[in-house]
Amino acid sequence: MNVHAESPLIAIVGPTASGKSALGVWLARQLGGEVVACDSTQLYRGFDVGTAKPTAEERQGVAHHLIDVLDPQEESTAGGYRERAIAVLEDLRARKRLAIFTVGTGLYLRALLEGLADVPLRSEELRERLWASVAAHPPGHLHRVLKRMDPASAEKIAQGDEQKLIRAVEVCLLAKKPLSEVHRAGRNPLRGWRAIKIGLSPAREALYQRIHARTDAMLAAGWMEEVRGLVASGLPVDAKPFDFIGYRELRAVLNGEMKLEEAQTAIQQATRRYAKRQLTWFRRDAQVHWLSGFGQDPAIQQESLALVRSQL
C-alpha cells in the first residue's frame, strides 16, 4: 500500500543513446504506465529519424505523450513544456496510470519539478538593439554593462557568452530589477507528485560505440531523405529544428558544403559532446539512482524494476 499522499512519477535520465526509451517502454509494460517524452527535439513534428523518436514498433502498444506536439516554426520553451506535462500528469492520475518520463533535456525536467522563476518573455526589439550594441563596441562591453546592473549575474557569465549576457541584460531592463533578484523571488514547484529518478550510465567507450552505430543506422533508415523532404516542403531555413545535431550537417551536405562522410563524422562527434554535457547536468542531481549499463540490458531492467517497486 502506498503510504505517501503524493503520486509517484518515474524519471529516467542519462545521455543520448543510453536506452532511456527502451527502459521506459519496458517499465511501462511491467507497471501499468505510460511514457512521457521530456526532450526538446522530440516535440517537433516531421523531425523523426534524427531525434531518435521511438518507432511504432518500439513503442510496443505503450502510449507515448509529448511527441509531435509542435510545428517546426513554433518555439519550444521550458515553460511551455511544463504546462503540457502537468496536463498529461493530471490525465494519467485520473486514469490511475504511472507516468514514466524519458528525459533527454534536463532543463525541462527541472522546470517541471522545481518550477520556473517569473522571468519576462523575450523582446525581439530589445534584443536587436543589444546585438547592435555588441557589434558597435569592443569585446567585453556587454559584460561591463551587466556588471553595473547585476554584479551577481555578471560573475556567473563568461565575457564571451554573448547569448547569456544579452538575456541577462534583457531581463534586467524588462523586469526593472536584477536577474539574480528575479531568480531569488522563487519558483512554483510541482505539488502532489514524488519523483523517482533512475540514471543510466553505460561505460564511456560502449556508449560512444552505440552513438556511432546509431548514427549509421539513422542514415540507413532515411535520415537524409527526411531532411531533403523537409527542405523541399518550404520550411524556412531558420526553423529551430534545423539547428538540431545532424539536421544542420545534413543540410550542409544538401547545399554542397560538406561530403556525406564528413557529415557522418561531425554528427558522431557532436553527439558524443552532447552526451557528455547531459551526463554533467544529470550528475549534479543527488536524487538520481545510477545504474551502470544500457536500458536495453535485461539485468539493468530488472534492477530498475526492483528499485521502483521499493520506492512505490
C-alpha atoms as a PDB file:
ATOM      1  CA  MET A   1       0.000   0.000   0.000  1.00  0.00           C
ATOM      2  CA  ASN A   2       1.255   3.488  -0.800  1.00  0.00           C
ATOM      3  CA  VAL A   3       1.541   5.476   2.404  1.00  0.00           C
ATOM      4  CA  HIS A   4       2.617   8.611   0.521  1.00  0.00           C
ATOM      5  CA  ALA A   5      -0.005  11.291  -0.134  1.00  0.00           C
ATOM      6  CA  GLU A   6       1.832  12.203  -3.333  1.00  0.00           C
ATOM      7  CA  SER A   7       1.547  10.295  -6.593  1.00  0.00           C
ATOM      8  CA  PRO A   8       4.809   8.781  -7.864  1.00  0.00           C
ATOM      9  CA  LEU A   9       6.323   9.566 -11.234  1.00  0.00           C
ATOM     10  CA  ILE A  10       9.417   7.901 -12.680  1.00  0.00           C
ATOM     11  CA  ALA A  11      12.087   9.939 -14.468  1.00  0.00           C
ATOM     12  CA  ILE A  12      14.700   8.019 -16.491  1.00  0.00           C
ATOM     13  CA  VAL A  13      17.714  10.249 -17.158  1.00  0.00           C
ATOM     14  CA  GLY A  14      21.002   9.696 -18.930  1.00  0.00           C
ATOM     15  CA  PRO A  15      22.962  10.511 -22.072  1.00  0.00           C
ATOM     16  CA  THR A  16      21.625  10.119 -25.587  1.00  0.00           C
ATOM     17  CA  ALA A  17      21.785   6.504 -26.893  1.00  0.00           C
ATOM     18  CA  SER A  18      21.819   5.027 -23.361  1.00  0.00           C
ATOM     19  CA  GLY A  19      18.474   3.257 -23.894  1.00  0.00           C
ATOM     20  CA  LYS A  20      16.104   5.537 -21.948  1.00  0.00           C
ATOM     21  CA  SER A  21      13.212   4.947 -24.378  1.00  0.00           C
ATOM     22  CA  ALA A  22      13.662   1.158 -24.291  1.00  0.00           C
ATOM     23  CA  LEU A  23      13.713   1.123 -20.481  1.00  0.00           C
ATOM     24  CA  GLY A  24      10.706   3.439 -20.336  1.00  0.00           C
ATOM     25  CA  VAL A  25       8.625   1.115 -22.527  1.00  0.00           C
ATOM     26  CA  TRP A  26       9.733  -1.963 -20.592  1.00  0.00           C
ATOM     27  CA  LEU A  27       8.864  -0.417 -17.205  1.00  0.00           C
ATOM     28  CA  ALA A  28       5.532   0.832 -18.554  1.00  0.00           C
ATOM     29  CA  ARG A  29       4.617  -2.715 -19.536  1.00  0.00           C
ATOM     30  CA  GLN A  30       5.581  -4.084 -16.115  1.00  0.00           C
ATOM     31  CA  LEU A  31       3.908  -1.387 -14.035  1.00  0.00           C
ATOM     32  CA  GLY A  32       0.869  -0.231 -15.992  1.00  0.00           C
ATOM     33  CA  GLY A  33       2.477   3.022 -17.049  1.00  0.00           C
ATOM     34  CA  GLU A  34       2.636   5.384 -19.993  1.00  0.00           C
ATOM     35  CA  VAL A  35       5.732   7.101 -21.367  1.00  0.00           C
ATOM     36  CA  VAL A  36       6.109  10.890 -21.342  1.00  0.00           C
ATOM     37  CA  ALA A  37       8.959  12.210 -23.516  1.00  0.00           C
ATOM     38  CA  CYS A  38      10.965  15.001 -21.888  1.00  0.00           C
ATOM     39  CA  ASP A  39      13.055  16.050 -24.859  1.00  0.00           C
ATOM     40  CA  SER A  40      13.145  19.428 -26.599  1.00  0.00           C
ATOM     41  CA  THR A  41      13.736  17.816 -30.025  1.00  0.00           C
ATOM     42  CA  GLN A  42      11.026  15.125 -29.977  1.00  0.00           C
ATOM     43  CA  LEU A  43       8.314  17.759 -29.528  1.00  0.00           C
ATOM     44  CA  TYR A  44       8.591  18.710 -33.216  1.00  0.00           C
ATOM     45  CA  ARG A  45       6.538  17.107 -35.975  1.00  0.00           C
ATOM     46  CA  GLY A  46       8.400  15.934 -39.083  1.00  0.00           C
ATOM     47  CA  PHE A  47      11.822  15.696 -37.429  1.00  0.00           C
ATOM     48  CA  ASP A  48      11.713  11.990 -36.662  1.00  0.00           C
ATOM     49  CA  VAL A  49      14.785   9.950 -37.596  1.00  0.00           C
ATOM     50  CA  GLY A  50      17.475  12.258 -36.194  1.00  0.00           C
ATOM     51  CA  THR A  51      15.653  12.956 -32.911  1.00  0.00           C
ATOM     52  CA  ALA A  52      15.532   9.200 -32.155  1.00  0.00           C
ATOM     53  CA  LYS A  53      11.774   9.157 -31.653  1.00  0.00           C
ATOM     54  CA  PRO A  54      10.704   5.621 -30.771  1.00  0.00           C
ATOM     55  CA  THR A  55       9.040   3.946 -33.763  1.00  0.00           C
ATOM     56  CA  ALA A  56       5.549   2.452 -33.576  1.00  0.00           C
ATOM     57  CA  GLU A  57       7.197  -0.964 -33.295  1.00  0.00           C
ATOM     58  CA  GLU A  58       9.470   0.199 -30.458  1.00  0.00           C
ATOM     59  CA  ARG A  59       6.521   1.642 -28.560  1.00  0.00           C
ATOM     60  CA  GLN A  60       5.033  -1.885 -28.408  1.00  0.00           C
ATOM     61  CA  GLY A  61       1.500  -0.723 -27.700  1.00  0.00           C
ATOM     62  CA  VAL A  62       2.556   1.607 -24.843  1.00  0.00           C
ATOM     63  CA  ALA A  63       1.010   5.095 -25.016  1.00  0.00           C
ATOM     64  CA  HIS A  64       3.541   7.919 -25.502  1.00  0.00           C
ATOM     65  CA  HIS A  65       2.955  11.591 -24.726  1.00  0.00           C
ATOM     66  CA  LEU A  66       4.602  14.905 -25.719  1.00  0.00           C
ATOM     67  CA  ILE A  67       5.985  13.677 -29.028  1.00  0.00           C
ATOM     68  CA  ASP A  68       4.968  15.546 -32.221  1.00  0.00           C
ATOM     69  CA  VAL A  69       3.118  18.371 -30.437  1.00  0.00           C
ATOM     70  CA  LEU A  70       4.825  21.374 -32.098  1.00  0.00           C
ATOM     71  CA  ASP A  71       5.056  22.616 -35.666  1.00  0.00           C
ATOM     72  CA  PRO A  72       8.661  23.271 -36.780  1.00  0.00           C
ATOM     73  CA  GLN A  73       8.095  27.045 -36.750  1.00  0.00           C
ATOM     74  CA  GLU A  74       6.836  27.108 -33.157  1.00  0.00           C
ATOM     75  CA  GLU A  75       9.210  27.862 -30.293  1.00  0.00           C
ATOM     76  CA  SER A  76       9.919  25.214 -27.684  1.00  0.00           C
ATOM     77  CA  THR A  77      10.374  26.553 -24.146  1.00  0.00           C
ATOM     78  CA  ALA A  78      10.801  25.019 -20.701  1.00  0.00           C
ATOM     79  CA  GLY A  79       7.689  26.875 -19.533  1.00  0.00           C
ATOM     80  CA  GLY A  80       5.608  25.588 -22.430  1.00  0.00           C
ATOM     81  CA  TYR A  81       6.830  22.054 -21.788  1.00  0.00           C
ATOM     82  CA  ARG A  82       5.899  22.339 -18.102  1.00  0.00           C
ATOM     83  CA  GLU A  83       2.318  23.351 -18.918  1.00  0.00           C
ATOM     84  CA  ARG A  84       1.854  20.430 -21.303  1.00  0.00           C
ATOM     85  CA  ALA A  85       3.467  17.939 -18.908  1.00  0.00           C
ATOM     86  CA  ILE A  86       1.257  18.990 -15.987  1.00  0.00           C
ATOM     87  CA  ALA A  87      -1.843  18.437 -18.157  1.00  0.00           C
ATOM     88  CA  VAL A  88      -0.556  14.942 -19.082  1.00  0.00           C
ATOM     89  CA  LEU A  89       0.152  14.136 -15.409  1.00  0.00           C
ATOM     90  CA  GLU A  90      -3.369  15.084 -14.351  1.00  0.00           C
ATOM     91  CA  ASP A  91      -4.815  12.879 -17.118  1.00  0.00           C
ATOM     92  CA  LEU A  92      -2.619   9.934 -16.067  1.00  0.00           C
ATOM     93  CA  ARG A  93      -3.574  10.374 -12.407  1.00  0.00           C
ATOM     94  CA  ALA A  94      -7.271  10.419 -13.311  1.00  0.00           C
ATOM     95  CA  ARG A  95      -6.802   7.143 -15.230  1.00  0.00           C
ATOM     96  CA  LYS A  96      -4.580   5.632 -12.496  1.00  0.00           C
ATOM     97  CA  ARG A  97      -1.641   5.170 -14.872  1.00  0.00           C
ATOM     98  CA  LEU A  98       2.003   5.570 -13.817  1.00  0.00           C
ATOM     99  CA  ALA A  99       3.906   8.414 -15.526  1.00  0.00           C
ATOM    100  CA  ILE A 100       7.343   7.368 -16.834  1.00  0.00           C
ATOM    101  CA  PHE A 101       9.407  10.285 -18.171  1.00  0.00           C
ATOM    102  CA  THR A 102      12.279   9.574 -20.579  1.00  0.00           C
ATOM    103  CA  VAL A 103      14.498  12.601 -20.078  1.00  0.00           C
ATOM    104  CA  GLY A 104      16.953  13.916 -22.641  1.00  0.00           C
ATOM    105  CA  THR A 105      16.553  17.611 -21.745  1.00  0.00           C
ATOM    106  CA  GLY A 106      17.459  18.104 -18.097  1.00  0.00           C
ATOM    107  CA  LEU A 107      16.267  21.723 -18.053  1.00  0.00           C
ATOM    108  CA  TYR A 108      12.737  20.622 -18.945  1.00  0.00           C
ATOM    109  CA  LEU A 109      12.610  18.088 -16.101  1.00  0.00           C
ATOM    110  CA  ARG A 110      13.888  20.713 -13.672  1.00  0.00           C
ATOM    111  CA  ALA A 111      11.283  23.196 -14.937  1.00  0.00           C
ATOM    112  CA  LEU A 112       8.547  20.610 -14.379  1.00  0.00           C
ATOM    113  CA  LEU A 113       9.615  19.515 -10.890  1.00  0.00           C
ATOM    114  CA  GLU A 114      11.031  22.735  -9.441  1.00  0.00           C
ATOM    115  CA  GLY A 115       9.103  25.354 -11.396  1.00  0.00           C
ATOM    116  CA  LEU A 116      10.475  28.401 -13.159  1.00  0.00           C
ATOM    117  CA  ALA A 117      11.269  31.879 -11.926  1.00  0.00           C
ATOM    118  CA  ASP A 118       8.825  34.526 -13.164  1.00  0.00           C
ATOM    119  CA  VAL A 119      11.162  35.767 -15.895  1.00  0.00           C
ATOM    120  CA  PRO A 120       9.871  38.266 -18.517  1.00  0.00           C
ATOM    121  CA  LEU A 121       9.279  36.977 -22.059  1.00  0.00           C
ATOM    122  CA  ARG A 122      11.817  37.792 -24.776  1.00  0.00           C
ATOM    123  CA  SER A 123      11.608  41.156 -26.524  1.00  0.00           C
ATOM    124  CA  GLU A 124      12.899  40.813 -30.093  1.00  0.00           C
ATOM    125  CA  GLU A 125      13.122  44.601 -30.474  1.00  0.00           C
ATOM    126  CA  LEU A 126      15.266  44.976 -27.348  1.00  0.00           C
ATOM    127  CA  ARG A 127      17.428  42.002 -28.326  1.00  0.00           C
ATOM    128  CA  GLU A 128      18.126  43.570 -31.740  1.00  0.00           C
ATOM    129  CA  ARG A 129      19.274  46.763 -30.028  1.00  0.00           C
ATOM    130  CA  LEU A 130      21.527  44.782 -27.687  1.00  0.00           C
ATOM    131  CA  TRP A 131      23.072  42.804 -30.577  1.00  0.00           C
ATOM    132  CA  ALA A 132      23.696  46.114 -32.378  1.00  0.00           C
ATOM    133  CA  SER A 133      25.408  47.393 -29.224  1.00  0.00           C
ATOM    134  CA  VAL A 134      27.644  44.287 -29.169  1.00  0.00           C
ATOM    135  CA  ALA A 135      28.641  44.915 -32.793  1.00  0.00           C
ATOM    136  CA  ALA A 136      29.348  48.617 -32.178  1.00  0.00           C
ATOM    137  CA  HIS A 137      31.547  48.217 -29.093  1.00  0.00           C
ATOM    138  CA  PRO A 138      34.816  46.439 -28.300  1.00  0.00           C
ATOM    139  CA  PRO A 139      34.739  42.973 -26.659  1.00  0.00           C
ATOM    140  CA  GLY A 140      33.665  42.942 -23.017  1.00  0.00           C
ATOM    141  CA  HIS A 141      31.280  45.917 -23.351  1.00  0.00           C
ATOM    142  CA  LEU A 142      28.100  43.976 -22.577  1.00  0.00           C
ATOM    143  CA  HIS A 143      29.729  42.223 -19.627  1.00  0.00           C
ATOM    144  CA  ARG A 144      30.638  45.644 -18.152  1.00  0.00           C
ATOM    145  CA  VAL A 145      27.041  46.821 -18.673  1.00  0.00           C
ATOM    146  CA  LEU A 146      25.693  43.763 -16.858  1.00  0.00           C
ATOM    147  CA  LYS A 147      28.245  44.192 -14.060  1.00  0.00           C
ATOM    148  CA  ARG A 148      26.805  47.656 -13.342  1.00  0.00           C
ATOM    149  CA  MET A 149      23.199  46.386 -13.434  1.00  0.00           C
ATOM    150  CA  ASP A 150      23.617  42.988 -11.753  1.00  0.00           C
ATOM    151  CA  PRO A 151      27.104  42.150 -10.372  1.00  0.00           C
ATOM    152  CA  ALA A 152      25.938  38.732  -9.064  1.00  0.00           C
ATOM    153  CA  SER A 153      24.825  37.549 -12.535  1.00  0.00           C
ATOM    154  CA  ALA A 154      27.874  39.074 -14.260  1.00  0.00           C
ATOM    155  CA  GLU A 155      30.101  36.976 -12.006  1.00  0.00           C
ATOM    156  CA  LYS A 156      28.473  33.765 -13.277  1.00  0.00           C
ATOM    157  CA  ILE A 157      28.525  34.574 -17.021  1.00  0.00           C
ATOM    158  CA  ALA A 158      31.694  34.484 -19.132  1.00  0.00           C
ATOM    159  CA  GLN A 159      32.631  37.659 -21.008  1.00  0.00           C
ATOM    160  CA  GLY A 160      32.408  35.884 -24.344  1.00  0.00           C
ATOM    161  CA  ASP A 161      28.990  34.263 -23.773  1.00  0.00           C
ATOM    162  CA  GLU A 162      27.014  36.900 -25.654  1.00  0.00           C
ATOM    163  CA  GLN A 163      23.755  34.897 -25.754  1.00  0.00           C
ATOM    164  CA  LYS A 164      23.573  34.651 -21.946  1.00  0.00           C
ATOM    165  CA  LEU A 165      24.764  38.236 -21.462  1.00  0.00           C
ATOM    166  CA  ILE A 166      22.057  39.564 -23.772  1.00  0.00           C
ATOM    167  CA  ARG A 167      19.360  37.539 -21.999  1.00  0.00           C
ATOM    168  CA  ALA A 168      20.582  38.740 -18.573  1.00  0.00           C
ATOM    169  CA  VAL A 169      20.643  42.424 -19.618  1.00  0.00           C
ATOM    170  CA  GLU A 170      17.261  41.994 -21.339  1.00  0.00           C
ATOM    171  CA  VAL A 171      15.676  40.581 -18.146  1.00  0.00           C
ATOM    172  CA  CYS A 172      17.198  43.361 -16.006  1.00  0.00           C
ATOM    173  CA  LEU A 173      15.716  46.010 -18.297  1.00  0.00           C
ATOM    174  CA  LEU A 174      12.285  44.369 -18.724  1.00  0.00           C
ATOM    175  CA  ALA A 175      11.830  43.344 -15.073  1.00  0.00           C
ATOM    176  CA  LYS A 176      13.345  46.618 -13.819  1.00  0.00           C
ATOM    177  CA  LYS A 177      15.396  44.627 -11.323  1.00  0.00           C
ATOM    178  CA  PRO A 178      18.494  42.372 -11.457  1.00  0.00           C
ATOM    179  CA  LEU A 179      18.149  38.870 -12.948  1.00  0.00           C
ATOM    180  CA  SER A 180      19.630  37.435  -9.725  1.00  0.00           C
ATOM    181  CA  GLU A 181      16.766  39.070  -7.787  1.00  0.00           C
ATOM    182  CA  VAL A 182      14.185  37.655 -10.216  1.00  0.00           C
ATOM    183  CA  HIS A 183      15.598  34.148  -9.596  1.00  0.00           C
ATOM    184  CA  ARG A 184      15.635  34.663  -5.817  1.00  0.00           C
ATOM    185  CA  ALA A 185      11.933  35.606  -5.896  1.00  0.00           C
ATOM    186  CA  GLY A 186      11.263  31.886  -6.010  1.00  0.00           C
ATOM    187  CA  ARG A 187       9.769  29.163  -8.116  1.00  0.00           C
ATOM    188  CA  ASN A 188       6.495  27.278  -8.006  1.00  0.00           C
ATOM    189  CA  PRO A 189       7.422  23.587  -7.579  1.00  0.00           C
ATOM    190  CA  LEU A 190       5.244  20.718  -8.789  1.00  0.00           C
ATOM    191  CA  ARG A 191       2.932  19.706  -5.937  1.00  0.00           C
ATOM    192  CA  GLY A 192       1.259  16.361  -5.335  1.00  0.00           C
ATOM    193  CA  TRP A 193       3.952  14.334  -7.113  1.00  0.00           C
ATOM    194  CA  ARG A 194       7.051  12.476  -5.965  1.00  0.00           C
ATOM    195  CA  ALA A 195       9.814  11.805  -8.485  1.00  0.00           C
ATOM    196  CA  ILE A 196      11.746   8.520  -8.555  1.00  0.00           C
ATOM    197  CA  LYS A 197      14.833   9.231 -10.660  1.00  0.00           C
ATOM    198  CA  ILE A 198      16.782   6.471 -12.405  1.00  0.00           C
ATOM    199  CA  GLY A 199      20.027   7.287 -14.220  1.00  0.00           C
ATOM    200  CA  LEU A 200      21.581   5.216 -16.996  1.00  0.00           C
ATOM    201  CA  SER A 201      25.365   5.440 -17.081  1.00  0.00           C
ATOM    202  CA  PRO A 202      26.946   2.980 -19.542  1.00  0.00           C
ATOM    203  CA  ALA A 203      30.736   2.721 -19.837  1.00  0.00           C
ATOM    204  CA  ARG A 204      32.006   5.595 -21.980  1.00  0.00           C
ATOM    205  CA  GLU A 205      33.559   3.521 -24.775  1.00  0.00           C
ATOM    206  CA  ALA A 206      30.458   1.331 -25.059  1.00  0.00           C
ATOM    207  CA  LEU A 207      28.284   4.464 -25.197  1.00  0.00           C
ATOM    208  CA  TYR A 208      30.432   6.019 -27.926  1.00  0.00           C
ATOM    209  CA  GLN A 209      30.247   2.787 -29.965  1.00  0.00           C
ATOM    210  CA  ARG A 210      26.453   2.851 -29.578  1.00  0.00           C
ATOM    211  CA  ILE A 211      26.350   6.519 -30.673  1.00  0.00           C
ATOM    212  CA  HIS A 212      28.412   5.743 -33.797  1.00  0.00           C
ATOM    213  CA  ALA A 213      26.319   2.679 -34.676  1.00  0.00           C
ATOM    214  CA  ARG A 214      23.077   4.594 -34.114  1.00  0.00           C
ATOM    215  CA  THR A 215      24.201   7.427 -36.399  1.00  0.00           C
ATOM    216  CA  ASP A 216      24.939   4.856 -39.132  1.00  0.00           C
ATOM    217  CA  ALA A 217      21.541   3.212 -38.561  1.00  0.00           C
ATOM    218  CA  MET A 218      19.725   6.573 -38.748  1.00  0.00           C
ATOM    219  CA  LEU A 219      21.389   7.377 -42.066  1.00  0.00           C
ATOM    220  CA  ALA A 220      20.457   3.908 -43.361  1.00  0.00           C
ATOM    221  CA  ALA A 221      16.876   4.494 -42.161  1.00  0.00           C
ATOM    222  CA  GLY A 222      16.437   7.506 -44.449  1.00  0.00           C
ATOM    223  CA  TRP A 223      17.625  10.468 -42.390  1.00  0.00           C
ATOM    224  CA  MET A 224      18.999  12.257 -45.461  1.00  0.00           C
ATOM    225  CA  GLU A 225      15.720  11.695 -47.336  1.00  0.00           C
ATOM    226  CA  GLU A 226      13.823  13.144 -44.366  1.00  0.00           C
ATOM    227  CA  VAL A 227      15.979  16.306 -44.403  1.00  0.00           C
ATOM    228  CA  ARG A 228      15.606  16.614 -48.182  1.00  0.00           C
ATOM    229  CA  GLY A 229      11.815  16.393 -47.810  1.00  0.00           C
ATOM    230  CA  LEU A 230      11.733  18.986 -45.015  1.00  0.00           C
ATOM    231  CA  VAL A 231      13.785  21.432 -47.099  1.00  0.00           C
ATOM    232  CA  ALA A 232      11.608  20.782 -50.168  1.00  0.00           C
ATOM    233  CA  SER A 233       8.453  21.417 -48.110  1.00  0.00           C
ATOM    234  CA  GLY A 234       9.347  25.103 -47.993  1.00  0.00           C
ATOM    235  CA  LEU A 235      10.168  25.158 -44.295  1.00  0.00           C
ATOM    236  CA  PRO A 236      12.217  28.317 -43.518  1.00  0.00           C
ATOM    237  CA  VAL A 237      15.945  27.660 -43.135  1.00  0.00           C
ATOM    238  CA  ASP A 238      15.871  29.390 -39.730  1.00  0.00           C
ATOM    239  CA  ALA A 239      13.256  26.982 -38.309  1.00  0.00           C
ATOM    240  CA  LYS A 240      14.599  25.924 -34.899  1.00  0.00           C
ATOM    241  CA  PRO A 241      14.741  22.127 -35.555  1.00  0.00           C
ATOM    242  CA  PHE A 242      17.165  22.653 -38.452  1.00  0.00           C
ATOM    243  CA  ASP A 243      19.717  23.551 -35.744  1.00  0.00           C
ATOM    244  CA  PHE A 244      19.468  20.128 -34.084  1.00  0.00           C
ATOM    245  CA  ILE A 245      22.506  17.842 -34.227  1.00  0.00           C
ATOM    246  CA  GLY A 246      22.591  16.089 -37.590  1.00  0.00           C
ATOM    247  CA  TYR A 247      19.992  18.248 -39.296  1.00  0.00           C
ATOM    248  CA  ARG A 248      22.411  21.154 -39.706  1.00  0.00           C
ATOM    249  CA  GLU A 249      25.167  18.843 -41.003  1.00  0.00           C
ATOM    250  CA  LEU A 250      22.874  17.050 -43.480  1.00  0.00           C
ATOM    251  CA  ARG A 251      21.575  20.379 -44.763  1.00  0.00           C
ATOM    252  CA  ALA A 252      25.212  21.328 -45.392  1.00  0.00           C
ATOM    253  CA  VAL A 253      25.533  18.124 -47.479  1.00  0.00           C
ATOM    254  CA  LEU A 254      22.442  19.094 -49.495  1.00  0.00           C
ATOM    255  CA  ASN A 255      23.926  22.564 -50.058  1.00  0.00           C
ATOM    256  CA  GLY A 256      27.185  21.043 -51.324  1.00  0.00           C
ATOM    257  CA  GLU A 257      29.138  22.482 -48.358  1.00  0.00           C
ATOM    258  CA  MET A 258      30.105  19.091 -46.892  1.00  0.00           C
ATOM    259  CA  LYS A 259      30.539  15.491 -48.049  1.00  0.00           C
ATOM    260  CA  LEU A 260      28.280  12.852 -46.500  1.00  0.00           C
ATOM    261  CA  GLU A 261      31.237  11.058 -44.858  1.00  0.00           C
ATOM    262  CA  GLU A 262      32.358  14.352 -43.258  1.00  0.00           C
ATOM    263  CA  ALA A 263      28.814  14.989 -42.029  1.00  0.00           C
ATOM    264  CA  GLN A 264      28.633  11.500 -40.535  1.00  0.00           C
ATOM    265  CA  THR A 265      31.858  12.058 -38.572  1.00  0.00           C
ATOM    266  CA  ALA A 266      30.723  15.543 -37.481  1.00  0.00           C
ATOM    267  CA  ILE A 267      27.354  14.176 -36.267  1.00  0.00           C
ATOM    268  CA  GLN A 268      29.058  11.439 -34.252  1.00  0.00           C
ATOM    269  CA  GLN A 269      31.448  13.934 -32.671  1.00  0.00           C
ATOM    270  CA  ALA A 270      28.660  16.435 -31.840  1.00  0.00           C
ATOM    271  CA  THR A 271      26.553  13.625 -30.344  1.00  0.00           C
ATOM    272  CA  ARG A 272      29.438  12.462 -28.136  1.00  0.00           C
ATOM    273  CA  ARG A 273      29.871  16.010 -26.856  1.00  0.00           C
ATOM    274  CA  TYR A 274      26.140  16.308 -26.233  1.00  0.00           C
ATOM    275  CA  ALA A 275      26.132  13.027 -24.267  1.00  0.00           C
ATOM    276  CA  LYS A 276      28.961  14.379 -22.101  1.00  0.00           C
ATOM    277  CA  ARG A 277      27.017  17.600 -21.388  1.00  0.00           C
ATOM    278  CA  GLN A 278      23.908  15.612 -20.490  1.00  0.00           C
ATOM    279  CA  LEU A 279      25.834  13.464 -18.010  1.00  0.00           C
ATOM    280  CA  THR A 280      27.423  16.532 -16.431  1.00  0.00           C
ATOM    281  CA  TRP A 281      23.959  18.056 -15.953  1.00  0.00           C
ATOM    282  CA  PHE A 282      22.321  14.915 -14.514  1.00  0.00           C
ATOM    283  CA  ARG A 283      25.277  14.100 -12.241  1.00  0.00           C
ATOM    284  CA  ARG A 284      24.554  17.305 -10.309  1.00  0.00           C
ATOM    285  CA  ASP A 285      21.277  15.803  -9.075  1.00  0.00           C
ATOM    286  CA  ALA A 286      21.888  13.885  -5.844  1.00  0.00           C
ATOM    287  CA  GLN A 287      18.432  12.244  -6.069  1.00  0.00           C
ATOM    288  CA  VAL A 288      19.303  10.130  -9.120  1.00  0.00           C
ATOM    289  CA  HIS A 289      19.790   6.375  -8.553  1.00  0.00           C
ATOM    290  CA  TRP A 290      22.526   5.498 -11.068  1.00  0.00           C
ATOM    291  CA  LEU A 291      22.687   2.147 -12.902  1.00  0.00           C
ATOM    292  CA  SER A 292      25.831   1.171 -14.843  1.00  0.00           C
ATOM    293  CA  GLY A 293      24.516   0.000 -18.190  1.00  0.00           C
ATOM    294  CA  PHE A 294      22.083   0.430 -21.082  1.00  0.00           C
ATOM    295  CA  GLY A 295      18.301   0.486 -20.797  1.00  0.00           C
ATOM    296  CA  GLN A 296      18.017  -2.494 -23.184  1.00  0.00           C
ATOM    297  CA  ASP A 297      20.070  -4.723 -20.831  1.00  0.00           C
ATOM    298  CA  PRO A 298      17.784  -7.258 -19.041  1.00  0.00           C
ATOM    299  CA  ALA A 299      19.887  -7.005 -15.849  1.00  0.00           C
ATOM    300  CA  ILE A 300      19.518  -3.207 -15.813  1.00  0.00           C
ATOM    301  CA  GLN A 301      15.783  -3.558 -16.464  1.00  0.00           C
ATOM    302  CA  GLN A 302      15.346  -5.921 -13.510  1.00  0.00           C
ATOM    303  CA  GLU A 303      17.469  -3.681 -11.295  1.00  0.00           C
ATOM    304  CA  SER A 304      15.399  -0.629 -12.214  1.00  0.00           C
ATOM    305  CA  LEU A 305      12.128  -2.504 -11.623  1.00  0.00           C
ATOM    306  CA  ALA A 306      13.263  -3.577  -8.145  1.00  0.00           C
ATOM    307  CA  LEU A 307      14.338  -0.019  -7.404  1.00  0.00           C
ATOM    308  CA  VAL A 308      10.999   1.470  -8.491  1.00  0.00           C
ATOM    309  CA  ARG A 309       8.966  -1.124  -6.573  1.00  0.00           C
ATOM    310  CA  SER A 310      10.930  -0.344  -3.412  1.00  0.00           C
ATOM    311  CA  GLN A 311      10.014   3.334  -3.797  1.00  0.00           C
ATOM    312  CA  LEU A 312       6.317   2.991  -4.700  1.00  0.00           C
END
